[in-house]
N, C-alpha and C. Protein backbone atom coordinates (compact mmCIF):
# COMPACT_ATOMS: atom_id res chain seq x y z
N MET A 1 83.57 92.00 121.55
CA MET A 1 83.32 93.38 120.82
C MET A 1 81.70 93.80 121.57
N GLN A 2 81.99 94.87 121.74
CA GLN A 2 80.57 95.90 122.39
C GLN A 2 79.61 95.76 121.52
N GLN A 3 78.35 95.29 121.94
CA GLN A 3 77.12 95.02 121.13
C GLN A 3 76.71 96.50 120.47
N GLY A 4 76.50 96.09 119.43
CA GLY A 4 75.80 97.14 118.49
C GLY A 4 77.15 98.19 117.78
N ALA A 5 78.27 97.76 118.13
CA ALA A 5 79.48 98.57 117.56
C ALA A 5 79.70 97.93 116.19
N PRO A 6 79.96 98.92 115.08
CA PRO A 6 80.08 98.54 113.68
C PRO A 6 81.48 97.87 113.51
N GLU A 7 81.40 96.72 112.47
CA GLU A 7 82.61 96.04 112.09
C GLU A 7 82.87 96.52 110.76
N PHE A 8 84.24 96.94 110.68
CA PHE A 8 84.75 97.34 109.19
C PHE A 8 85.67 96.44 108.93
N ALA A 9 85.73 95.88 107.40
CA ALA A 9 86.76 95.04 106.78
C ALA A 9 87.08 96.00 105.51
N GLN A 10 88.74 95.88 105.43
CA GLN A 10 88.99 96.35 104.13
C GLN A 10 89.29 95.49 103.12
N LEU A 11 88.63 95.45 102.05
CA LEU A 11 88.35 94.32 101.16
C LEU A 11 89.45 94.57 99.97
N TRP A 12 89.79 93.32 99.52
CA TRP A 12 90.63 93.33 98.07
C TRP A 12 91.73 94.42 98.15
N PRO A 13 92.66 94.26 98.88
CA PRO A 13 93.93 95.06 99.09
C PRO A 13 94.79 94.83 98.06
N THR A 14 95.44 95.72 97.49
CA THR A 14 96.47 95.88 96.53
C THR A 14 97.97 96.20 97.04
N THR A 15 98.52 95.49 97.20
CA THR A 15 99.95 95.95 98.07
C THR A 15 100.92 96.11 97.44
N LEU A 16 101.74 97.24 97.85
CA LEU A 16 102.85 97.91 96.93
C LEU A 16 103.91 97.95 98.18
N MET A 17 105.14 97.35 97.75
CA MET A 17 106.27 97.56 98.81
C MET A 17 107.38 98.36 98.13
N ARG A 18 107.92 99.22 99.06
CA ARG A 18 109.06 99.95 98.82
C ARG A 18 110.09 99.72 99.72
N HIS A 19 111.48 99.61 99.52
CA HIS A 19 112.49 99.25 100.26
C HIS A 19 113.72 99.66 99.74
N ALA A 20 114.55 100.38 100.48
CA ALA A 20 115.84 100.88 100.17
C ALA A 20 116.87 100.04 100.57
N LEU A 21 117.58 99.51 99.55
CA LEU A 21 118.33 98.27 99.75
C LEU A 21 119.57 98.82 100.39
N PRO A 22 120.02 97.85 101.31
CA PRO A 22 121.30 98.10 102.03
C PRO A 22 122.57 97.73 101.12
N GLY A 23 123.49 98.84 101.06
CA GLY A 23 124.60 98.51 100.06
C GLY A 23 124.29 99.11 98.74
N ALA A 24 123.34 99.74 98.56
CA ALA A 24 123.05 100.42 97.19
C ALA A 24 124.09 101.59 96.75
N ALA A 25 124.55 102.13 97.89
CA ALA A 25 125.36 103.46 97.58
C ALA A 25 126.64 102.83 96.82
N GLN A 26 127.03 101.64 97.33
CA GLN A 26 128.42 101.19 96.95
C GLN A 26 127.99 100.43 95.59
N ALA A 27 126.80 99.62 95.39
CA ALA A 27 126.69 99.04 94.40
C ALA A 27 126.41 99.70 93.11
N ASN A 28 125.39 100.85 93.30
CA ASN A 28 124.83 101.44 92.06
C ASN A 28 125.93 102.12 90.97
N PRO A 29 126.93 102.72 91.55
CA PRO A 29 127.84 103.44 90.46
C PRO A 29 128.34 102.28 89.48
N VAL A 30 128.68 100.89 90.22
CA VAL A 30 129.02 99.72 89.38
C VAL A 30 127.96 99.22 88.53
N LEU A 31 126.83 99.19 88.93
CA LEU A 31 125.62 98.55 88.34
C LEU A 31 125.59 99.62 87.03
N ALA A 32 125.57 101.02 87.26
CA ALA A 32 125.47 102.05 86.28
C ALA A 32 126.43 101.67 85.07
N ASP A 33 127.78 101.30 85.61
CA ASP A 33 128.77 101.20 84.64
C ASP A 33 128.44 100.17 83.74
N VAL A 34 128.12 98.95 84.31
CA VAL A 34 127.91 97.60 83.71
C VAL A 34 126.64 97.77 82.66
N ILE A 35 125.52 98.48 83.21
CA ILE A 35 124.29 98.59 82.14
C ILE A 35 124.77 99.53 81.31
N GLY A 36 125.40 100.57 81.57
CA GLY A 36 126.05 101.50 80.32
C GLY A 36 126.66 100.85 79.18
N GLN A 37 127.65 99.84 79.77
CA GLN A 37 128.38 99.02 78.67
C GLN A 37 127.44 98.18 77.77
N MET A 38 126.42 97.47 78.70
CA MET A 38 125.46 96.72 77.63
C MET A 38 124.71 97.67 76.98
N ASP A 39 124.32 98.78 77.25
CA ASP A 39 123.56 99.71 76.34
C ASP A 39 124.02 99.97 75.17
N ALA A 40 125.45 100.27 75.37
CA ALA A 40 126.18 100.61 74.33
C ALA A 40 126.35 99.59 73.13
N ALA A 41 126.43 98.25 73.72
CA ALA A 41 126.80 97.23 72.91
C ALA A 41 125.50 96.63 72.18
N LYS A 42 124.36 97.16 72.76
CA LYS A 42 123.12 96.54 72.10
C LYS A 42 121.98 97.79 72.11
N SER A 43 121.73 98.24 70.95
CA SER A 43 120.78 99.50 71.00
C SER A 43 119.53 99.30 71.44
N ASP A 44 118.97 98.04 71.38
CA ASP A 44 117.56 97.89 71.67
C ASP A 44 117.44 97.04 73.19
N MET A 45 118.47 97.35 73.76
CA MET A 45 118.55 96.75 75.01
C MET A 45 117.27 96.86 76.01
N THR A 46 116.94 98.21 75.98
CA THR A 46 115.91 98.48 77.01
C THR A 46 114.43 97.95 76.34
N THR A 47 114.28 97.97 75.14
CA THR A 47 112.82 97.46 74.66
C THR A 47 112.74 95.99 74.29
N ASP A 48 114.04 95.31 74.20
CA ASP A 48 113.99 94.03 73.72
C ASP A 48 114.26 93.11 75.30
N TYR A 49 113.00 93.24 75.96
CA TYR A 49 113.06 92.87 77.39
C TYR A 49 113.13 91.42 77.50
N LEU A 50 112.61 90.47 76.55
CA LEU A 50 112.45 89.08 76.82
C LEU A 50 113.78 88.25 76.36
N SER A 51 114.54 88.89 75.59
CA SER A 51 115.82 88.44 75.36
C SER A 51 116.82 88.38 76.43
N GLY A 52 117.69 87.30 76.69
CA GLY A 52 118.90 87.21 77.71
C GLY A 52 118.21 87.11 78.83
N ASP A 53 119.23 87.09 79.91
CA ASP A 53 118.91 86.81 81.34
C ASP A 53 119.99 87.67 82.24
N PHE A 54 119.47 88.78 82.60
CA PHE A 54 120.37 89.87 83.11
C PHE A 54 120.85 89.26 84.49
N LEU A 55 119.90 88.83 85.27
CA LEU A 55 120.62 88.36 86.69
C LEU A 55 121.54 87.23 86.65
N SER A 56 121.55 86.46 85.41
CA SER A 56 122.46 85.42 85.45
C SER A 56 123.97 85.80 84.95
N HIS A 57 124.26 87.21 84.72
CA HIS A 57 125.45 87.62 84.43
C HIS A 57 126.38 87.55 85.56
N PRO A 58 127.68 87.07 85.46
CA PRO A 58 128.42 86.74 86.51
C PRO A 58 129.20 88.12 87.25
N HIS A 59 128.79 89.05 86.78
CA HIS A 59 129.37 90.30 87.59
C HIS A 59 129.00 90.34 89.09
N PRO A 60 129.88 90.69 89.90
CA PRO A 60 129.39 90.78 91.39
C PRO A 60 128.40 91.57 91.77
N ALA A 61 128.39 92.69 91.12
CA ALA A 61 127.35 93.81 91.57
C ALA A 61 125.81 93.16 91.10
N ILE A 62 125.70 92.42 89.83
CA ILE A 62 124.48 91.77 89.52
C ILE A 62 124.19 90.75 90.55
N ALA A 63 125.11 89.86 90.85
CA ALA A 63 124.99 88.82 91.89
C ALA A 63 124.39 89.34 93.23
N TRP A 64 125.02 90.60 93.57
CA TRP A 64 124.36 91.19 94.60
C TRP A 64 122.75 91.75 94.53
N LEU A 65 122.73 92.21 93.25
CA LEU A 65 121.06 92.59 93.09
C LEU A 65 120.25 91.33 93.16
N LYS A 66 120.68 90.40 92.37
CA LYS A 66 119.92 89.04 92.53
C LYS A 66 119.54 88.65 93.92
N ALA A 67 120.52 88.67 94.58
CA ALA A 67 120.23 88.10 96.04
C ALA A 67 119.34 89.05 96.85
N CYS A 68 119.46 90.23 96.78
CA CYS A 68 118.65 91.14 97.16
C CYS A 68 117.16 91.38 96.74
N LEU A 69 117.10 90.90 95.41
CA LEU A 69 115.66 90.88 94.87
C LEU A 69 115.11 89.59 95.45
N ASP A 70 115.86 88.48 95.49
CA ASP A 70 114.94 87.25 96.04
C ASP A 70 114.72 87.72 97.52
N ARG A 71 115.46 88.34 98.29
CA ARG A 71 115.00 88.56 99.70
C ARG A 71 113.82 89.56 99.81
N ALA A 72 113.78 90.69 98.79
CA ALA A 72 112.88 91.47 98.77
C ALA A 72 111.37 90.82 98.47
N ILE A 73 111.55 89.83 97.25
CA ILE A 73 110.30 88.94 97.15
C ILE A 73 109.87 88.27 98.23
N LEU A 74 110.79 87.50 99.04
CA LEU A 74 110.15 86.87 100.19
C LEU A 74 109.80 87.84 101.23
N ASP A 75 110.37 89.07 101.28
CA ASP A 75 109.64 89.82 102.17
C ASP A 75 108.38 90.12 102.07
N TYR A 76 107.93 90.46 100.49
CA TYR A 76 106.59 90.85 100.04
C TYR A 76 105.67 89.68 100.30
N ALA A 77 106.13 88.55 100.07
CA ALA A 77 105.29 87.35 100.28
C ALA A 77 104.88 87.32 101.87
N ARG A 78 105.76 87.42 102.73
CA ARG A 78 105.67 87.27 104.07
C ARG A 78 104.83 88.47 104.68
N GLY A 79 104.81 89.74 103.93
CA GLY A 79 104.06 90.80 104.23
C GLY A 79 102.70 90.69 103.95
N THR A 80 102.45 89.91 103.04
CA THR A 80 100.84 89.73 102.44
C THR A 80 100.23 88.50 102.97
N GLY A 81 101.00 87.83 103.98
CA GLY A 81 100.38 86.55 104.57
C GLY A 81 100.72 85.34 103.87
N VAL A 82 101.52 85.37 102.97
CA VAL A 82 101.99 83.94 102.39
C VAL A 82 103.10 83.49 103.23
N THR A 83 102.92 82.47 103.95
CA THR A 83 103.81 81.88 104.72
C THR A 83 104.58 80.63 104.46
N TYR A 84 104.12 80.09 103.49
CA TYR A 84 104.71 78.78 102.95
C TYR A 84 105.72 78.93 101.90
N ASP A 85 106.38 77.89 101.55
CA ASP A 85 107.61 78.16 100.74
C ASP A 85 106.93 78.21 99.19
N LEU A 86 107.58 79.41 98.53
CA LEU A 86 107.53 79.41 97.07
C LEU A 86 108.63 79.28 96.17
N ASP A 87 108.34 78.80 94.89
CA ASP A 87 109.39 78.48 93.97
C ASP A 87 109.24 79.38 92.89
N TRP A 88 110.26 80.40 92.78
CA TRP A 88 109.93 81.37 91.59
C TRP A 88 111.12 81.65 90.62
N HIS A 89 110.90 82.33 89.59
CA HIS A 89 112.00 82.61 88.75
C HIS A 89 111.73 83.98 88.58
N VAL A 90 113.01 84.72 88.55
CA VAL A 90 112.82 86.30 88.24
C VAL A 90 113.32 86.57 87.15
N GLN A 91 112.64 87.21 86.11
CA GLN A 91 112.96 87.65 84.79
C GLN A 91 113.23 88.97 84.95
N ALA A 92 114.40 89.48 84.60
CA ALA A 92 114.88 90.93 84.64
C ALA A 92 115.63 91.50 83.56
N TRP A 93 115.42 92.61 83.46
CA TRP A 93 116.16 93.59 82.13
C TRP A 93 116.61 94.86 82.56
N PRO A 94 117.56 95.33 82.09
CA PRO A 94 117.92 96.75 82.35
C PRO A 94 117.34 97.79 81.80
N ASN A 95 117.15 98.81 82.13
CA ASN A 95 116.63 100.02 81.35
C ASN A 95 117.44 101.19 81.41
N VAL A 96 117.91 101.96 80.20
CA VAL A 96 118.53 103.06 80.19
C VAL A 96 117.57 104.17 79.32
N ASN A 97 116.88 105.16 80.14
CA ASN A 97 116.15 106.14 79.49
C ASN A 97 116.56 107.49 79.65
N GLY A 98 116.92 107.90 78.73
CA GLY A 98 117.30 109.39 78.26
C GLY A 98 116.49 110.35 78.35
N PHE A 99 116.82 111.66 78.15
CA PHE A 99 115.99 112.82 78.09
C PHE A 99 114.91 112.57 77.14
N GLY A 100 113.55 112.76 77.34
CA GLY A 100 112.32 112.52 76.57
C GLY A 100 111.88 111.10 76.72
N ASP A 101 112.46 110.21 77.43
CA ASP A 101 112.04 109.01 77.37
C ASP A 101 110.75 108.77 78.59
N ASP A 102 109.93 107.86 78.29
CA ASP A 102 109.06 107.38 79.45
C ASP A 102 108.36 106.04 78.88
N HIS A 103 107.54 105.45 79.64
CA HIS A 103 106.90 104.25 79.40
C HIS A 103 105.28 104.58 79.50
N ASN A 104 104.69 104.07 78.66
CA ASN A 104 103.23 104.11 78.51
C ASN A 104 102.61 103.35 79.32
N LEU A 105 101.44 103.51 79.88
CA LEU A 105 100.73 102.43 80.72
C LEU A 105 100.56 101.04 80.29
N HIS A 106 100.91 100.39 81.19
CA HIS A 106 100.78 98.95 80.95
C HIS A 106 100.81 98.12 82.38
N ASN A 107 100.67 96.68 82.22
CA ASN A 107 100.89 95.90 83.29
C ASN A 107 101.62 94.77 82.78
N HIS A 108 101.92 93.69 83.60
CA HIS A 108 102.77 92.58 83.27
C HIS A 108 102.08 91.21 83.18
N PRO A 109 101.47 90.74 82.18
CA PRO A 109 100.71 89.54 82.18
C PRO A 109 101.48 88.37 82.55
N HIS A 110 100.87 87.51 82.98
CA HIS A 110 101.78 85.97 83.26
C HIS A 110 102.75 86.13 84.35
N SER A 111 102.81 87.29 85.16
CA SER A 111 103.60 87.33 86.20
C SER A 111 102.83 87.56 87.53
N TRP A 112 103.42 86.73 88.63
CA TRP A 112 102.68 86.94 89.97
C TRP A 112 102.88 88.28 90.43
N LEU A 113 104.20 88.76 90.30
CA LEU A 113 104.77 90.05 91.00
C LEU A 113 105.39 90.86 89.67
N SER A 114 105.65 92.03 89.83
CA SER A 114 106.42 92.76 89.01
C SER A 114 107.33 93.67 90.05
N GLY A 115 108.04 94.48 89.39
CA GLY A 115 108.88 95.43 90.18
C GLY A 115 110.13 96.00 89.52
N THR A 116 110.72 97.12 90.15
CA THR A 116 111.70 97.83 89.65
C THR A 116 112.81 98.11 90.62
N TYR A 117 114.21 98.21 90.38
CA TYR A 117 115.23 98.51 91.00
C TYR A 117 115.73 99.69 90.41
N TYR A 118 115.88 100.66 91.25
CA TYR A 118 116.51 101.94 90.49
C TYR A 118 117.92 102.17 91.14
N VAL A 119 118.48 102.44 90.02
CA VAL A 119 120.12 102.32 89.90
C VAL A 119 120.46 103.99 90.15
N GLN A 120 119.93 104.71 89.28
CA GLN A 120 120.19 106.07 88.94
C GLN A 120 118.84 106.85 88.54
N VAL A 121 118.50 107.85 89.53
CA VAL A 121 117.31 108.64 89.17
C VAL A 121 117.65 110.02 89.24
N PRO A 122 117.70 110.84 88.14
CA PRO A 122 118.14 112.16 88.10
C PRO A 122 117.05 112.93 88.83
N GLU A 123 117.49 114.23 89.13
CA GLU A 123 116.67 115.09 89.97
C GLU A 123 115.75 115.71 88.96
N GLY A 124 116.17 115.98 87.55
CA GLY A 124 115.30 116.57 86.85
C GLY A 124 115.55 118.18 86.84
N ASP A 125 116.66 118.75 87.42
CA ASP A 125 116.71 120.22 87.46
C ASP A 125 117.12 120.81 86.08
N GLU A 126 117.47 120.02 85.00
CA GLU A 126 117.69 120.71 83.82
C GLU A 126 116.26 120.58 82.95
N ALA A 127 115.23 120.57 83.57
CA ALA A 127 114.10 120.23 82.81
C ALA A 127 113.77 121.69 82.07
N PRO A 128 113.43 121.82 81.08
CA PRO A 128 112.95 123.05 80.36
C PRO A 128 111.45 123.48 80.95
N LYS A 129 111.34 124.95 80.77
CA LYS A 129 110.13 125.43 81.50
C LYS A 129 108.89 124.84 80.87
N GLY A 130 108.06 124.64 81.80
CA GLY A 130 106.78 124.01 81.37
C GLY A 130 105.78 123.93 82.42
N ARG A 131 104.90 123.18 82.54
CA ARG A 131 103.77 122.88 83.55
C ARG A 131 104.34 122.76 85.03
N SER A 132 103.90 123.31 86.01
CA SER A 132 104.40 123.10 87.37
C SER A 132 103.91 121.74 88.09
N ASP A 133 103.20 121.19 87.47
CA ASP A 133 102.75 119.90 88.03
C ASP A 133 103.24 118.51 87.36
N ARG A 134 104.45 118.94 86.58
CA ARG A 134 105.12 117.79 85.98
C ARG A 134 105.80 117.05 87.23
N THR A 135 105.99 115.75 87.09
CA THR A 135 106.74 114.95 88.09
C THR A 135 107.97 114.14 87.30
N PRO A 136 108.92 114.63 86.73
CA PRO A 136 109.73 113.88 86.07
C PRO A 136 110.32 112.51 86.71
N ASN A 137 110.28 111.38 85.94
CA ASN A 137 110.79 110.08 86.56
C ASN A 137 109.88 109.56 87.80
N ALA A 138 108.77 110.18 87.93
CA ALA A 138 107.94 109.39 88.98
C ALA A 138 107.21 108.32 88.26
N ILE A 139 106.66 107.47 89.06
CA ILE A 139 105.78 106.33 88.63
C ILE A 139 104.55 106.29 89.17
N SER A 140 103.53 106.10 88.41
CA SER A 140 102.03 106.12 88.88
C SER A 140 101.40 104.76 88.65
N PHE A 141 100.73 104.40 89.70
CA PHE A 141 99.85 103.39 89.82
C PHE A 141 98.60 103.64 89.81
N PHE A 142 97.54 102.73 89.21
CA PHE A 142 96.25 102.96 89.11
C PHE A 142 95.23 101.86 89.55
N ASP A 143 94.08 102.27 90.33
CA ASP A 143 93.26 101.58 90.84
C ASP A 143 92.83 100.42 89.76
N PRO A 144 93.02 99.17 90.16
CA PRO A 144 92.72 98.11 89.26
C PRO A 144 91.17 97.93 88.89
N ARG A 145 90.46 98.39 89.88
CA ARG A 145 89.09 98.24 89.61
C ARG A 145 88.31 99.49 88.93
N PRO A 146 87.72 99.05 87.66
CA PRO A 146 87.40 100.15 86.73
C PRO A 146 86.35 100.98 87.24
N GLN A 147 86.55 102.21 87.46
CA GLN A 147 85.32 103.27 87.66
C GLN A 147 85.09 103.11 89.20
N ALA A 148 85.77 102.52 89.95
CA ALA A 148 85.66 102.39 91.28
C ALA A 148 85.59 103.87 92.23
N ASN A 149 86.09 104.73 91.50
CA ASN A 149 85.98 106.10 92.12
C ASN A 149 84.67 106.94 91.66
N MET A 150 83.88 106.48 90.90
CA MET A 150 82.76 107.13 90.21
C MET A 150 81.97 107.96 91.12
N LEU A 151 81.56 107.21 92.26
CA LEU A 151 80.41 107.81 93.22
C LEU A 151 81.29 108.20 94.46
N ALA A 152 82.67 108.22 94.43
CA ALA A 152 83.34 108.76 95.70
C ALA A 152 83.17 110.14 96.11
N ILE A 153 83.33 110.38 97.42
CA ILE A 153 82.97 111.68 97.87
C ILE A 153 84.23 112.34 98.60
N LYS A 154 84.15 113.39 98.83
CA LYS A 154 85.52 114.12 99.51
C LYS A 154 85.66 113.34 100.82
N GLY A 155 86.85 112.98 101.12
CA GLY A 155 87.48 112.13 102.18
C GLY A 155 87.28 110.61 101.96
N ASP A 156 86.77 110.26 100.99
CA ASP A 156 86.70 108.77 100.77
C ASP A 156 88.00 108.39 100.06
N PRO A 157 88.52 107.38 100.61
CA PRO A 157 89.92 106.75 100.22
C PRO A 157 89.95 106.48 98.66
N GLN A 158 88.71 106.12 98.02
CA GLN A 158 88.64 105.67 96.58
C GLN A 158 88.56 106.92 95.65
N VAL A 159 88.71 108.22 96.30
CA VAL A 159 88.41 109.30 95.17
C VAL A 159 89.42 109.58 94.14
N ASP A 160 90.81 109.09 94.45
CA ASP A 160 91.72 109.16 93.62
C ASP A 160 92.28 107.98 93.18
N PRO A 161 92.10 107.71 91.69
CA PRO A 161 92.44 106.54 91.11
C PRO A 161 93.88 106.57 90.87
N GLU A 162 94.73 107.18 91.14
CA GLU A 162 96.32 107.26 90.81
C GLU A 162 96.99 107.50 92.20
N HIS A 163 98.09 106.43 92.23
CA HIS A 163 99.07 106.70 93.35
C HIS A 163 100.41 106.90 92.55
N ARG A 164 100.83 108.21 92.81
CA ARG A 164 102.15 108.39 92.23
C ARG A 164 103.09 108.71 93.18
N MET A 165 104.52 108.12 92.97
CA MET A 165 105.49 107.88 93.85
C MET A 165 106.77 108.34 92.91
N GLN A 166 107.63 109.18 93.93
CA GLN A 166 109.09 109.42 93.36
C GLN A 166 110.22 108.63 93.83
N PRO A 167 110.48 107.63 93.06
CA PRO A 167 111.49 106.69 93.58
C PRO A 167 112.99 107.53 93.81
N ARG A 168 113.79 106.80 94.71
CA ARG A 168 115.20 107.34 94.69
C ARG A 168 116.09 106.15 94.33
N GLY A 169 117.31 106.46 93.91
CA GLY A 169 118.46 105.50 93.72
C GLY A 169 118.42 104.58 94.93
N GLY A 170 118.43 103.39 94.60
CA GLY A 170 118.50 102.45 95.86
C GLY A 170 117.25 101.71 96.08
N ASP A 171 116.01 102.16 95.64
CA ASP A 171 114.85 101.99 96.14
C ASP A 171 114.44 100.29 95.15
N VAL A 172 113.67 99.59 95.71
CA VAL A 172 113.15 98.68 94.86
C VAL A 172 111.80 98.72 95.35
N LEU A 173 110.69 98.44 94.19
CA LEU A 173 109.34 98.59 94.40
C LEU A 173 108.92 97.31 93.98
N ILE A 174 107.98 96.57 94.50
CA ILE A 174 107.34 95.60 94.02
C ILE A 174 105.74 95.56 94.38
N TRP A 175 105.04 95.07 93.08
CA TRP A 175 103.69 95.23 93.28
C TRP A 175 103.12 94.09 92.25
N PRO A 176 101.88 93.81 92.51
CA PRO A 176 101.17 92.72 91.54
C PRO A 176 101.35 92.78 90.10
N GLY A 177 101.44 91.90 89.42
CA GLY A 177 101.63 92.19 88.15
C GLY A 177 100.58 92.65 87.40
N PHE A 178 99.33 92.46 87.93
CA PHE A 178 98.18 92.91 87.12
C PHE A 178 97.97 94.42 87.23
N LEU A 179 98.65 95.04 88.19
CA LEU A 179 98.59 96.36 88.34
C LEU A 179 99.00 97.48 87.19
N HIS A 180 98.05 98.24 86.78
CA HIS A 180 98.68 98.98 85.57
C HIS A 180 99.55 100.42 86.18
N HIS A 181 100.36 100.66 85.34
CA HIS A 181 101.24 101.81 85.94
C HIS A 181 101.97 102.23 84.67
N LEU A 182 102.61 103.57 84.97
CA LEU A 182 103.25 104.15 83.98
C LEU A 182 104.55 104.96 84.43
N VAL A 183 105.52 105.34 83.76
CA VAL A 183 106.68 106.07 84.20
C VAL A 183 106.64 107.29 83.45
N HIS A 184 106.79 108.41 84.40
CA HIS A 184 106.81 109.72 83.82
C HIS A 184 108.10 109.98 83.10
N VAL A 185 107.93 110.86 82.18
CA VAL A 185 109.25 111.25 81.38
C VAL A 185 110.29 111.79 81.89
N ASN A 186 111.47 111.46 81.33
CA ASN A 186 112.80 112.03 82.14
C ASN A 186 113.12 113.27 81.42
N LEU A 187 113.10 114.27 82.26
CA LEU A 187 113.45 115.74 81.55
C LEU A 187 114.81 116.24 82.13
N SER A 188 115.89 115.26 81.98
CA SER A 188 117.08 115.49 82.44
C SER A 188 118.28 114.94 81.53
N ARG A 189 119.20 115.58 81.32
CA ARG A 189 120.35 115.00 80.31
C ARG A 189 121.07 113.90 80.98
N THR A 190 120.82 113.56 82.29
CA THR A 190 121.21 112.40 82.96
C THR A 190 120.30 111.25 82.64
N ALA A 191 120.76 110.14 82.24
CA ALA A 191 120.02 108.94 82.14
C ALA A 191 119.24 108.44 83.45
N ARG A 192 118.01 108.09 83.30
CA ARG A 192 117.51 107.18 84.39
C ARG A 192 117.75 105.76 84.31
N ILE A 193 118.36 105.09 85.29
CA ILE A 193 118.93 103.64 84.88
C ILE A 193 118.14 103.03 85.97
N SER A 194 117.50 101.71 85.48
CA SER A 194 116.79 100.97 86.49
C SER A 194 116.73 99.47 85.92
N VAL A 195 116.33 98.60 86.65
CA VAL A 195 116.16 97.19 86.31
C VAL A 195 114.80 96.74 86.74
N SER A 196 114.15 96.41 85.73
CA SER A 196 112.77 95.87 86.04
C SER A 196 112.68 94.58 85.92
N PHE A 197 111.69 93.87 86.58
CA PHE A 197 111.59 92.44 86.67
C PHE A 197 109.97 92.08 86.84
N ASN A 198 110.11 90.50 86.50
CA ASN A 198 108.87 89.80 86.74
C ASN A 198 109.41 88.86 87.59
N VAL A 199 108.32 88.31 88.55
CA VAL A 199 108.41 87.11 89.38
C VAL A 199 107.49 86.27 88.91
N ILE A 200 107.81 85.10 88.20
CA ILE A 200 107.20 84.15 87.64
C ILE A 200 107.11 82.70 88.49
N LEU A 201 105.91 82.35 89.04
CA LEU A 201 106.06 81.22 89.88
C LEU A 201 105.95 79.86 89.11
N ARG A 202 106.85 78.88 89.72
CA ARG A 202 106.75 77.65 89.17
C ARG A 202 105.63 76.91 90.10
N MET A 203 104.44 76.48 89.25
CA MET A 203 103.23 76.25 90.02
C MET A 203 103.32 75.03 90.92
N LYS A 204 102.72 74.96 91.95
CA LYS A 204 102.58 73.81 92.76
C LYS A 204 101.19 73.60 93.14
N PRO A 205 100.77 72.49 93.73
CA PRO A 205 99.49 72.32 94.31
C PRO A 205 99.46 73.08 95.47
N ASP A 206 100.42 73.50 96.47
CA ASP A 206 100.27 74.26 97.48
C ASP A 206 99.70 75.62 97.16
N TYR A 207 99.87 76.02 95.91
CA TYR A 207 99.47 77.59 95.74
C TYR A 207 97.99 77.66 95.32
N VAL A 208 97.13 76.38 95.40
CA VAL A 208 95.92 76.46 94.78
C VAL A 208 95.05 76.76 96.30
N PRO A 209 94.27 77.89 96.35
CA PRO A 209 93.46 78.17 97.48
C PRO A 209 92.51 77.18 97.76
N ASP A 210 92.24 77.12 98.95
CA ASP A 210 90.95 76.08 99.69
C ASP A 210 89.81 76.45 99.13
């Protein structure tokens, strides 16, 4: 390095992964039908997320999703520099959100990672008249460092504490479980259908940092 040149370090990164799953166009209509049947049979399916084990269901489309999620979790680990073997369990639950439904600000305690797979995301063209800055069915993530933007100035990447994304059907998003997020209201008569999940590690001595 040239003498006198400044060094820069990007400290404490928070990694968010987005990936469009191959085969989603074929699998999603089948998943939507299976999840719709589950929702009709159990009225609190979306809110009672701790009961049951969605990914253990024998349906081939759910088996496809389980295999894709395991691969996506491995891709996330490798992308963040974790190169050793991990042993994890994926706790997953389906969500059906109709007109007016949203998810308040929250995070996912006791999980290494959290994520969502989007089966069906309506466009929101049926939304009633309202504010022009609404983003129906978007998901927002928030800076985990409280008040980090208080002294940020124009051009500083820390000035905006919110990162908002508009997911598409077939997308899987994965992020650290500690990251606060919320889901914006569905303003369509078509349901938003997704599968949320937590990645829970089975702890090993190898995981302990040096």
